[in-house]
C-alpha atoms as a PDB file:
ATOM      1  CA  MET A   1     161.708  82.526  74.507  1.00  0.00           C
ATOM      2  CA  SER A   2     158.936  81.471  76.858  1.00  0.00           C
ATOM      3  CA  ASN A   3     157.840  78.287  78.616  1.00  0.00           C
ATOM      4  CA  TYR A   4     154.143  78.556  77.746  1.00  0.00           C
ATOM      5  CA  LEU A   5     151.774  79.413  74.921  1.00  0.00           C
ATOM      6  CA  VAL A   6     148.032  80.129  74.799  1.00  0.00           C
ATOM      7  CA  VAL A   7     146.097  79.009  71.707  1.00  0.00           C
ATOM      8  CA  VAL A   8     142.514  80.229  71.374  1.00  0.00           C
ATOM      9  CA  LEU A   9     140.042  78.413  69.097  1.00  0.00           C
ATOM     10  CA  ASN A  10     137.315  80.509  67.449  1.00  0.00           C
ATOM     11  CA  GLY A  11     134.455  79.114  65.393  1.00  0.00           C
ATOM     12  CA  PRO A  12     130.692  78.472  65.443  1.00  0.00           C
ATOM     13  CA  PRO A  13     129.049  75.561  67.275  1.00  0.00           C
ATOM     14  CA  GLY A  14     129.811  72.197  65.685  1.00  0.00           C
ATOM     15  CA  CYS A  15     132.938  73.312  63.822  1.00  0.00           C
ATOM     16  CA  GLY A  16     135.284  71.097  65.853  1.00  0.00           C
ATOM     17  CA  LYS A  17     136.772  73.353  68.532  1.00  0.00           C
ATOM     18  CA  ASP A  18     136.228  71.046  71.497  1.00  0.00           C
ATOM     19  CA  THR A  19     137.034  67.959  69.433  1.00  0.00           C
ATOM     20  CA  LEU A  20     140.407  69.413  68.470  1.00  0.00           C
ATOM     21  CA  ALA A  21     141.225  70.591  71.988  1.00  0.00           C
ATOM     22  CA  GLU A  22     140.276  67.241  73.507  1.00  0.00           C
ATOM     23  CA  TYR A  23     142.255  65.358  70.863  1.00  0.00           C
ATOM     24  CA  ILE A  24     145.449  67.258  71.656  1.00  0.00           C
ATOM     25  CA  ALA A  25     144.907  67.199  75.423  1.00  0.00           C
ATOM     26  CA  PHE A  26     144.038  63.466  75.486  1.00  0.00           C
ATOM     27  CA  ASN A  27     146.867  62.416  73.183  1.00  0.00           C
ATOM     28  CA  GLY A  28     149.214  64.650  75.132  1.00  0.00           C
ATOM     29  CA  HIS A  29     148.407  63.162  78.529  1.00  0.00           C
ATOM     30  CA  PRO A  30     150.496  64.069  80.331  1.00  0.00           C
ATOM     31  CA  PHE A  31     152.828  65.366  77.587  1.00  0.00           C
ATOM     32  CA  TYR A  32     152.513  66.146  73.887  1.00  0.00           C
ATOM     33  CA  MET A  33     155.574  66.486  71.672  1.00  0.00           C
ATOM     34  CA  PHE A  34     155.405  69.627  69.561  1.00  0.00           C
ATOM     35  CA  GLY A  35     158.560  69.267  67.522  1.00  0.00           C
ATOM     36  CA  GLU A  36     161.324  68.820  70.083  1.00  0.00           C
ATOM     37  CA  HIS A  37     159.335  70.321  72.913  1.00  0.00           C
ATOM     38  CA  ARG A  38     157.878  68.169  75.681  1.00  0.00           C
ATOM     39  CA  THR A  39     154.673  70.026  76.413  1.00  0.00           C
ATOM     40  CA  LEU A  40     151.999  69.857  79.102  1.00  0.00           C
ATOM     41  CA  VAL A  41     148.591  70.513  77.526  1.00  0.00           C
ATOM     42  CA  TYR A  42     145.657  72.108  79.359  1.00  0.00           C
ATOM     43  CA  HIS A  43     142.161  72.377  77.844  1.00  0.00           C
ATOM     44  CA  GLU A  44     140.441  75.479  79.206  1.00  0.00           C
ATOM     45  CA  LYS A  45     137.267  77.473  78.516  1.00  0.00           C
ATOM     46  CA  PHE A  46     136.244  81.063  79.154  1.00  0.00           C
ATOM     47  CA  ALA A  47     132.817  79.838  80.315  1.00  0.00           C
ATOM     48  CA  GLU A  48     134.053  77.599  83.151  1.00  0.00           C
ATOM     49  CA  PRO A  49     133.291  80.065  86.003  1.00  0.00           C
ATOM     50  CA  ILE A  50     129.701  80.675  84.899  1.00  0.00           C
ATOM     51  CA  LYS A  51     129.107  76.936  84.451  1.00  0.00           C
ATOM     52  CA  ASP A  52     130.477  76.275  87.927  1.00  0.00           C
ATOM     53  CA  ALA A  53     128.202  78.985  89.319  1.00  0.00           C
ATOM     54  CA  LEU A  54     125.055  77.624  87.652  1.00  0.00           C
ATOM     55  CA  SER A  55     125.902  74.066  88.706  1.00  0.00           C
ATOM     56  CA  ALA A  56     126.182  75.231  92.317  1.00  0.00           C
ATOM     57  CA  PHE A  57     122.955  77.259  92.080  1.00  0.00           C
ATOM     58  CA  LEU A  58     120.979  74.327  90.629  1.00  0.00           C
ATOM     59  CA  ASP A  59     122.747  71.826  92.913  1.00  0.00           C
ATOM     60  CA  ILE A  60     123.721  69.553  90.022  1.00  0.00           C
ATOM     61  CA  SER A  61     127.066  68.203  88.894  1.00  0.00           C
ATOM     62  CA  ARG A  62     128.986  69.669  85.983  1.00  0.00           C
ATOM     63  CA  ASP A  63     128.453  66.415  84.094  1.00  0.00           C
ATOM     64  CA  GLU A  64     124.678  66.779  84.529  1.00  0.00           C
ATOM     65  CA  LEU A  65     124.878  70.388  83.406  1.00  0.00           C
ATOM     66  CA  GLU A  66     126.750  69.497  80.207  1.00  0.00           C
ATOM     67  CA  PHE A  67     124.594  66.449  79.418  1.00  0.00           C
ATOM     68  CA  ASN A  68     121.308  68.367  79.764  1.00  0.00           C
ATOM     69  CA  LYS A  69     122.514  71.731  78.461  1.00  0.00           C
ATOM     70  CA  ASN A  70     120.474  71.771  75.253  1.00  0.00           C
ATOM     71  CA  ILE A  71     117.193  70.294  76.524  1.00  0.00           C
ATOM     72  CA  PRO A  72     114.514  72.986  76.050  1.00  0.00           C
ATOM     73  CA  GLY A  73     112.286  73.948  78.993  1.00  0.00           C
ATOM     74  CA  LEU A  74     114.157  71.820  81.523  1.00  0.00           C
ATOM     75  CA  LEU A  75     114.240  74.573  84.169  1.00  0.00           C
ATOM     76  CA  PRO A  76     111.469  76.723  85.706  1.00  0.00           C
ATOM     77  CA  ASN A  77     110.071  79.506  83.502  1.00  0.00           C
ATOM     78  CA  ASN A  78     110.625  77.233  80.504  1.00  0.00           C
ATOM     79  CA  GLN A  79     114.357  77.932  80.601  1.00  0.00           C
ATOM     80  CA  SER A  80     117.072  75.699  79.195  1.00  0.00           C
ATOM     81  CA  ILE A  81     120.472  75.386  80.835  1.00  0.00           C
ATOM     82  CA  ARG A  82     122.104  76.932  77.747  1.00  0.00           C
ATOM     83  CA  ARG A  83     119.792  79.957  77.860  1.00  0.00           C
ATOM     84  CA  SER A  84     120.382  80.324  81.609  1.00  0.00           C
ATOM     85  CA  LEU A  85     124.154  80.339  81.070  1.00  0.00           C
ATOM     86  CA  ILE A  86     123.813  83.058  78.427  1.00  0.00           C
ATOM     87  CA  THR A  87     121.527  85.107  80.681  1.00  0.00           C
ATOM     88  CA  MET A  88     123.938  84.895  83.636  1.00  0.00           C
ATOM     89  CA  SER A  89     126.844  85.862  81.407  1.00  0.00           C
ATOM     90  CA  GLU A  90     125.308  88.635  79.310  1.00  0.00           C
ATOM     91  CA  GLU A  91     122.844  90.127  81.813  1.00  0.00           C
ATOM     92  CA  TRP A  92     124.744  89.779  85.068  1.00  0.00           C
ATOM     93  CA  ALA A  93     128.466  88.991  84.854  1.00  0.00           C
ATOM     94  CA  LYS A  94     129.440  91.306  81.994  1.00  0.00           C
ATOM     95  CA  PRO A  95     127.288  94.312  83.029  1.00  0.00           C
ATOM     96  CA  THR A  96     128.596  93.942  86.595  1.00  0.00           C
ATOM     97  CA  PHE A  97     132.301  93.259  86.003  1.00  0.00           C
ATOM     98  CA  GLY A  98     132.926  94.382  82.407  1.00  0.00           C
ATOM     99  CA  ASN A  99     132.775  92.664  79.022  1.00  0.00           C
ATOM    100  CA  GLY A 100     136.273  91.227  79.377  1.00  0.00           C
ATOM    101  CA  ILE A 101     135.702  89.569  82.766  1.00  0.00           C
ATOM    102  CA  PHE A 102     135.959  85.966  81.531  1.00  0.00           C
ATOM    103  CA  GLY A 103     139.200  86.738  79.699  1.00  0.00           C
ATOM    104  CA  THR A 104     140.596  88.341  82.854  1.00  0.00           C
ATOM    105  CA  MET A 105     139.571  85.405  85.062  1.00  0.00           C
ATOM    106  CA  LEU A 106     141.044  82.806  82.710  1.00  0.00           C
ATOM    107  CA  GLY A 107     144.190  84.884  82.247  1.00  0.00           C
ATOM    108  CA  LYS A 108     144.731  84.986  86.006  1.00  0.00           C
ATOM    109  CA  LYS A 109     144.087  81.244  86.264  1.00  0.00           C
ATOM    110  CA  ILE A 110     146.806  80.616  83.673  1.00  0.00           C
ATOM    111  CA  GLU A 111     149.116  82.946  85.610  1.00  0.00           C
ATOM    112  CA  ARG A 112     148.616  80.794  88.712  1.00  0.00           C
ATOM    113  CA  TYR A 113     149.303  77.592  86.759  1.00  0.00           C
ATOM    114  CA  VAL A 114     152.486  79.006  85.230  1.00  0.00           C
ATOM    115  CA  THR A 115     153.733  80.289  88.592  1.00  0.00           C
ATOM    116  CA  ARG A 116     153.008  77.008  90.401  1.00  0.00           C
ATOM    117  CA  SER A 117     154.824  74.955  87.762  1.00  0.00           C
ATOM    118  CA  LYS A 118     158.111  76.838  88.121  1.00  0.00           C
ATOM    119  CA  GLY A 119     160.664  74.535  89.680  1.00  0.00           C
ATOM    120  CA  LYS A 120     158.186  71.651  89.822  1.00  0.00           C
ATOM    121  CA  PHE A 121     159.724  69.731  86.920  1.00  0.00           C
ATOM    122  CA  ILE A 122     163.416  70.196  87.618  1.00  0.00           C
ATOM    123  CA  ARG A 123     164.805  67.605  85.193  1.00  0.00           C
ATOM    124  CA  GLN A 124     162.133  67.522  82.531  1.00  0.00           C
ATOM    125  CA  ASP A 125     161.349  71.258  82.334  1.00  0.00           C
ATOM    126  CA  PRO A 126     158.241  70.751  80.154  1.00  0.00           C
ATOM    127  CA  LYS A 127     156.645  73.593  78.284  1.00  0.00           C
ATOM    128  CA  GLN A 128     152.960  74.399  78.694  1.00  0.00           C
ATOM    129  CA  LEU A 129     150.218  74.801  76.114  1.00  0.00           C
ATOM    130  CA  TYR A 130     146.818  76.168  77.065  1.00  0.00           C
ATOM    131  CA  ILE A 131     144.073  75.503  74.493  1.00  0.00           C
ATOM    132  CA  ILE A 132     140.909  77.562  74.953  1.00  0.00           C
ATOM    133  CA  SER A 133     138.046  76.159  72.903  1.00  0.00           C
ATOM    134  CA  ASP A 134     135.143  78.599  73.319  1.00  0.00           C
ATOM    135  CA  SER A 135     136.336  81.984  72.056  1.00  0.00           C
ATOM    136  CA  GLY A 136     133.847  84.334  70.401  1.00  0.00           C
ATOM    137  CA  PHE A 137     134.092  87.735  72.083  1.00  0.00           C
ATOM    138  CA  TYR A 138     136.753  90.308  71.254  1.00  0.00           C
ATOM    139  CA  GLU A 139     136.806  91.770  74.780  1.00  0.00           C
ATOM    140  CA  GLU A 140     137.684  88.380  76.300  1.00  0.00           C
ATOM    141  CA  LEU A 141     140.556  87.867  73.870  1.00  0.00           C
ATOM    142  CA  GLU A 142     141.816  91.391  74.521  1.00  0.00           C
ATOM    143  CA  ALA A 143     141.720  90.926  78.306  1.00  0.00           C
ATOM    144  CA  LEU A 144     143.541  87.594  78.010  1.00  0.00           C
ATOM    145  CA  GLU A 145     146.222  89.100  75.779  1.00  0.00           C
ATOM    146  CA  GLU A 146     146.766  92.019  78.149  1.00  0.00           C
ATOM    147  CA  LEU A 147     147.707  89.554  80.888  1.00  0.00           C
ATOM    148  CA  HIS A 148     149.830  87.413  78.553  1.00  0.00           C
ATOM    149  CA  PRO A 149     151.294  89.761  75.941  1.00  0.00           C
ATOM    150  CA  GLY A 150     152.964  87.988  73.048  1.00  0.00           C
ATOM    151  CA  LYS A 151     151.826  84.554  74.277  1.00  0.00           C
ATOM    152  CA  VAL A 152     148.373  84.338  72.649  1.00  0.00           C
ATOM    153  CA  ARG A 153     147.580  82.803  69.232  1.00  0.00           C
ATOM    154  CA  LEU A 154     144.218  82.435  67.479  1.00  0.00           C
ATOM    155  CA  ILE A 155     142.896  79.709  65.177  1.00  0.00           C
ATOM    156  CA  ARG A 156     139.635  80.473  63.385  1.00  0.00           C
ATOM    157  CA  ILE A 157     137.887  77.256  62.351  1.00  0.00           C
ATOM    158  CA  GLY A 158     135.431  77.128  59.470  1.00  0.00           C
ATOM    159  CA  ARG A 159     133.112  74.271  58.595  1.00  0.00           C
ATOM    160  CA  ASP A 160     130.383  74.043  55.969  1.00  0.00           C
ATOM    161  CA  GLY A 161     126.940  74.282  57.535  1.00  0.00           C
ATOM    162  CA  CYS A 162     128.183  75.711  60.849  1.00  0.00           C
ATOM    163  CA  THR A 163     127.188  79.309  61.566  1.00  0.00           C
ATOM    164  CA  TYR A 164     126.764  81.716  64.465  1.00  0.00           C
ATOM    165  CA  GLU A 165     123.045  82.105  63.795  1.00  0.00           C
ATOM    166  CA  GLY A 166     121.255  82.516  67.136  1.00  0.00           C
ATOM    167  CA  ASP A 167     124.576  82.783  68.987  1.00  0.00           C
ATOM    168  CA  SER A 168     125.927  85.913  70.671  1.00  0.00           C
ATOM    169  CA  ARG A 169     129.505  84.971  69.731  1.00  0.00           C
ATOM    170  CA  SER A 170     131.153  85.610  66.368  1.00  0.00           C
ATOM    171  CA  TYR A 171     134.333  85.156  64.355  1.00  0.00           C
ATOM    172  CA  LEU A 172     137.183  87.337  65.635  1.00  0.00           C
ATOM    173  CA  PHE A 173     138.890  89.195  62.811  1.00  0.00           C
ATOM    174  CA  ASN A 174     139.830  92.505  64.428  1.00  0.00           C
ATOM    175  CA  VAL A 175     142.282  90.957  66.912  1.00  0.00           C
ATOM    176  CA  PRO A 176     144.985  92.677  69.016  1.00  0.00           C
ATOM    177  CA  LEU A 177     148.149  93.332  66.996  1.00  0.00           C
ATOM    178  CA  ARG A 178     150.288  90.904  69.016  1.00  0.00           C
ATOM    179  CA  VAL A 179     147.869  88.012  68.462  1.00  0.00           C
ATOM    180  CA  LYS A 180     148.868  85.927  65.442  1.00  0.00           C
ATOM    181  CA  ALA A 181     145.862  84.335  63.748  1.00  0.00           C
ATOM    182  CA  VAL A 182     145.261  81.731  61.052  1.00  0.00           C
ATOM    183  CA  ASP A 183     142.180  80.221  59.412  1.00  0.00           C
ATOM    184  CA  ILE A 184     141.696  76.442  59.174  1.00  0.00           C
ATOM    185  CA  GLY A 185     138.907  74.552  57.443  1.00  0.00           C
ATOM    186  CA  ASN A 186     137.292  71.414  58.823  1.00  0.00           C
ATOM    187  CA  ASN A 187     135.542  70.045  55.741  1.00  0.00           C
ATOM    188  CA  SER A 188     137.537  66.889  55.116  1.00  0.00           C
ATOM    189  CA  THR A 189     138.411  64.065  57.503  1.00  0.00           C
ATOM    190  CA  LYS A 190     139.080  64.405  61.217  1.00  0.00           C
ATOM    191  CA  GLU A 191     142.609  63.207  60.618  1.00  0.00           C
ATOM    192  CA  ALA A 192     143.255  65.951  58.043  1.00  0.00           C
ATOM    193  CA  PHE A 193     141.806  68.576  60.376  1.00  0.00           C
ATOM    194  CA  TYR A 194     143.937  67.422  63.306  1.00  0.00           C
ATOM    195  CA  LYS A 195     147.046  67.268  61.129  1.00  0.00           C
ATOM    196  CA  GLU A 196     146.654  70.820  59.818  1.00  0.00           C
ATOM    197  CA  ALA A 197     145.909  72.247  63.255  1.00  0.00           C
ATOM    198  CA  THR A 198     148.773  70.465  65.023  1.00  0.00           C
ATOM    199  CA  LYS A 199     151.162  71.585  62.283  1.00  0.00           C
ATOM    200  CA  VAL A 200     150.214  75.207  62.944  1.00  0.00           C
ATOM    201  CA  ILE A 201     150.485  74.793  66.717  1.00  0.00           C
ATOM    202  CA  THR A 202     153.853  73.037  66.382  1.00  0.00           C
ATOM    203  CA  GLU A 203     155.210  75.955  64.346  1.00  0.00           C
ATOM    204  CA  TRP A 204     154.014  78.372  67.008  1.00  0.00           C
ATOM    205  CA  CYS A 205     155.511  76.259  69.813  1.00  0.00           C
ATOM    206  CA  ASN A 206     158.862  76.136  68.022  1.00  0.00           C
ATOM    207  CA  GLU A 207     158.766  79.894  67.669  1.00  0.00           C
ATOM    208  CA  GLN A 208     157.702  80.528  71.269  1.00  0.00           C
ATOM    209  CA  PHE A 209     159.828  77.925  73.021  1.00  0.00           C
ATOM    210  CA  SER A 210     162.991  78.081  70.898  1.00  0.00           C
ATOM    211  CA  GLY A 211     162.914  81.575  69.499  1.00  0.00           C
ATOM    212  CA  THR A 212     162.798  80.282  65.912  1.00  0.00           C
ATOM    213  CA  VAL A 213     160.831  82.201  63.298  1.00  0.00           C
ATOM    214  CA  SER A 214     157.411  80.713  62.547  1.00  0.00           C
ATOM    215  CA  ARG A 215     156.634  79.738  58.961  1.00  0.00           C
ATOM    216  CA  VAL A 216     152.886  80.016  59.612  1.00  0.00           C
ATOM    217  CA  PRO A 217     151.665  83.155  57.847  1.00  0.00           C
ATOM    218  CA  ALA A 218     149.920  85.593  60.180  1.00  0.00           C
ATOM    219  CA  GLN A 219     146.413  86.634  59.136  1.00  0.00           C
ATOM    220  CA  SER A 220     144.276  89.462  60.391  1.00  0.00           C
END
C-alpha cells in the first residue's frame, strides 16, 4: 500500500489532457473521492521549470506566457513563445543535463510534496494523486518512474483529428515494465471521457491505496 499515486497523461495537442487534469483537480478541490479514498489532487507538468525560466527571462507573468504562447513572431527574430520553449528545452536543457531532466525535476518535486505532507493531516490522512498532463518523452517517464517505482501509471488519450505532426513529443508505447498503461478515446462527449478516465484512475487508486487488485487491464 502507498499514500500517493502518479498518473501521467500522454496524447497529442488538443486530445483533452489538460481538460481532464483540470476537471479532476478542480472538482477535487481540496479533495476528490476515488472510491473510499479521500484524495488530494495536484495537477503538474514536466514543462513547468522551462516555462518559469522563460517567463523570468522575458519579464512577463506565467499567465501572459500561456495566453500568448501560440502567437507567431511575437518575440525578436520572429520567434513565438512556443518555439522558444522548445528551443530552450531541446537545445539547452536536455543537452546540458540529460534527456530525462524534466522527469527527474518533477520526480524530486513530488518527493518534497509527499515528505512535507507526512503528519500534516493527522485525522484525515488523505491520499495524494499527482496528474501530469504533458507527457510525450520516454526518458522523462523513465526518470520519473526511477524516483517513484511502482507508483506511476500512464493513460494514452486518442482523439480523431489530433496528431503529433510538427511536435517533438509522441505516444509512449515502450514504457518501463512497472508502469501500467491503458488507452482511452475522447471521441464522444466530455462527460463520457471524464467518466471513463475517472473509472480507470479510481481502480488504480483502490489498488495503490488499499492493496486491492486492479480490474483495469494493463496494456503495453
